[in-house]
């Protein structure tokens, strides 16, 4: 069965290449989000679920969970208290010469 001879340009405010044209009625207005609800922040969602209103209550709750043995809570508290380890790289100076392979 053949497709209709209708061009892409006729469909829903698009040009011949299938791209939206300026002034398209289905286009978002300037400054308006295409996803107004958006993805919820996972920390905010967790605080809402726990009924927590501020950071101090959140840290106290995570501390309780760490003491109860929750691994992620232990890792979070360790990172919060001690700070995360700094990632370093060892750089070899050029003065050491080229790398040589030794066949044994």
Protein backbone atom coordinates (compact mmCIF):
# COMPACT_ATOMS: atom_id res chain seq x y z
CA UNK A 1 0.00 0.00 0.00
CA UNK A 2 1.38 3.43 -0.96
CA UNK A 3 1.79 6.24 1.54
CA UNK A 4 -0.27 9.33 0.82
CA UNK A 5 1.31 12.04 -1.29
CA UNK A 6 0.86 14.50 1.59
CA UNK A 7 4.18 16.20 2.42
CA UNK A 8 5.68 16.38 5.89
CA UNK A 9 5.19 20.14 5.79
CA UNK A 10 1.44 19.81 6.24
CA UNK A 11 1.64 17.87 9.50
CA UNK A 12 1.31 19.72 12.82
CA UNK A 13 3.14 22.95 11.97
CA UNK A 14 6.29 21.32 10.55
CA UNK A 15 8.36 22.25 7.49
CA UNK A 16 9.32 19.92 4.60
CA UNK A 17 12.19 18.47 6.70
CA UNK A 18 9.82 17.63 9.54
CA UNK A 19 11.15 20.42 11.80
CA UNK A 20 8.83 22.71 13.74
CA UNK A 21 8.25 26.06 12.07
CA UNK A 22 8.42 29.42 13.84
CA UNK A 23 5.10 30.35 15.41
CA UNK A 24 4.03 26.73 15.70
CA UNK A 25 0.91 26.62 17.91
CA UNK A 26 2.16 23.52 19.74
CA UNK A 27 5.55 25.12 20.55
CA UNK A 28 6.26 26.11 24.17
CA UNK A 29 6.14 29.84 24.91
CA UNK A 30 9.46 31.53 25.75
CA UNK A 31 10.37 30.99 29.38
CA UNK A 32 7.88 28.14 29.80
CA UNK A 33 9.22 24.72 30.73
CA UNK A 34 8.42 21.74 28.55
CA UNK A 35 8.09 19.66 31.71
CA UNK A 36 6.57 21.94 34.35
CA UNK A 37 6.19 19.18 36.96
CA UNK A 38 9.74 18.02 36.34
CA UNK A 39 11.55 15.22 38.11
CA UNK A 40 11.37 15.55 41.87
CA UNK A 41 14.60 15.95 43.77
CA UNK A 42 15.22 12.57 45.46
CA UNK A 43 16.33 14.21 48.72
CA UNK A 44 13.18 16.33 48.83
CA UNK A 45 11.05 13.26 48.11
CA UNK A 46 12.77 11.33 50.91
CA UNK A 47 12.32 14.20 53.38
CA UNK A 48 8.63 14.42 52.46
CA UNK A 49 8.25 10.66 52.94
CA UNK A 50 9.94 10.85 56.36
CA UNK A 51 8.03 13.99 57.38
CA UNK A 52 11.22 16.04 57.80
CA UNK A 53 11.25 19.84 57.50
CA UNK A 54 14.92 20.80 57.92
CA UNK A 55 18.50 19.59 57.43
CA UNK A 56 19.16 18.87 61.10
CA UNK A 57 16.23 16.47 61.28
CA UNK A 58 17.41 14.81 58.05
CA UNK A 59 20.95 14.25 59.39
CA UNK A 60 19.52 12.89 62.66
CA UNK A 61 17.29 10.44 60.76
CA UNK A 62 20.17 9.27 58.53
CA UNK A 63 22.33 8.90 61.68
CA UNK A 64 19.65 6.67 63.23
CA UNK A 65 19.57 4.57 60.06
CA UNK A 66 23.39 4.29 60.06
CA UNK A 67 23.31 3.05 63.66
CA UNK A 68 20.65 0.53 62.61
CA UNK A 69 23.09 -0.84 59.99
CA UNK A 70 21.88 0.74 56.73
CA UNK A 71 25.00 0.67 54.53
CA UNK A 72 24.17 3.71 52.40
CA UNK A 73 23.48 5.72 55.58
CA UNK A 74 26.86 4.68 57.04
CA UNK A 75 28.64 5.73 53.84
CA UNK A 76 26.76 9.03 53.78
CA UNK A 77 27.59 9.82 57.41
CA UNK A 78 31.26 8.89 56.92
CA UNK A 79 31.43 11.21 53.91
CA UNK A 80 29.58 13.93 55.80
CA UNK A 81 31.76 13.74 58.91
CA UNK A 82 35.21 12.88 57.49
CA UNK A 83 34.81 14.22 53.99
CA UNK A 84 35.17 12.18 50.84
CA UNK A 85 38.70 11.08 49.93
CA UNK A 86 40.46 13.28 47.42
CA UNK A 87 41.19 11.60 44.10
CA UNK A 88 44.80 11.95 43.06
CA UNK A 89 46.87 10.95 40.06
CA UNK A 90 50.57 10.26 39.98
CA UNK A 91 52.28 12.19 37.22
CA UNK A 92 55.64 11.00 35.94
CA UNK A 93 58.04 13.77 35.04
CA UNK A 94 59.53 13.83 31.56
CA UNK A 95 63.06 13.91 33.01
CA UNK A 96 62.74 10.24 33.97
CA UNK A 97 63.03 9.24 30.31
CA UNK A 98 60.89 6.99 28.15
CA UNK A 99 59.19 3.87 29.41
CA UNK A 100 61.08 0.69 28.50
CA UNK A 101 59.57 -2.77 28.27
CA UNK A 102 61.57 -5.60 29.77
CA UNK A 103 61.05 -9.12 28.45
CA UNK A 104 62.00 -11.80 30.91
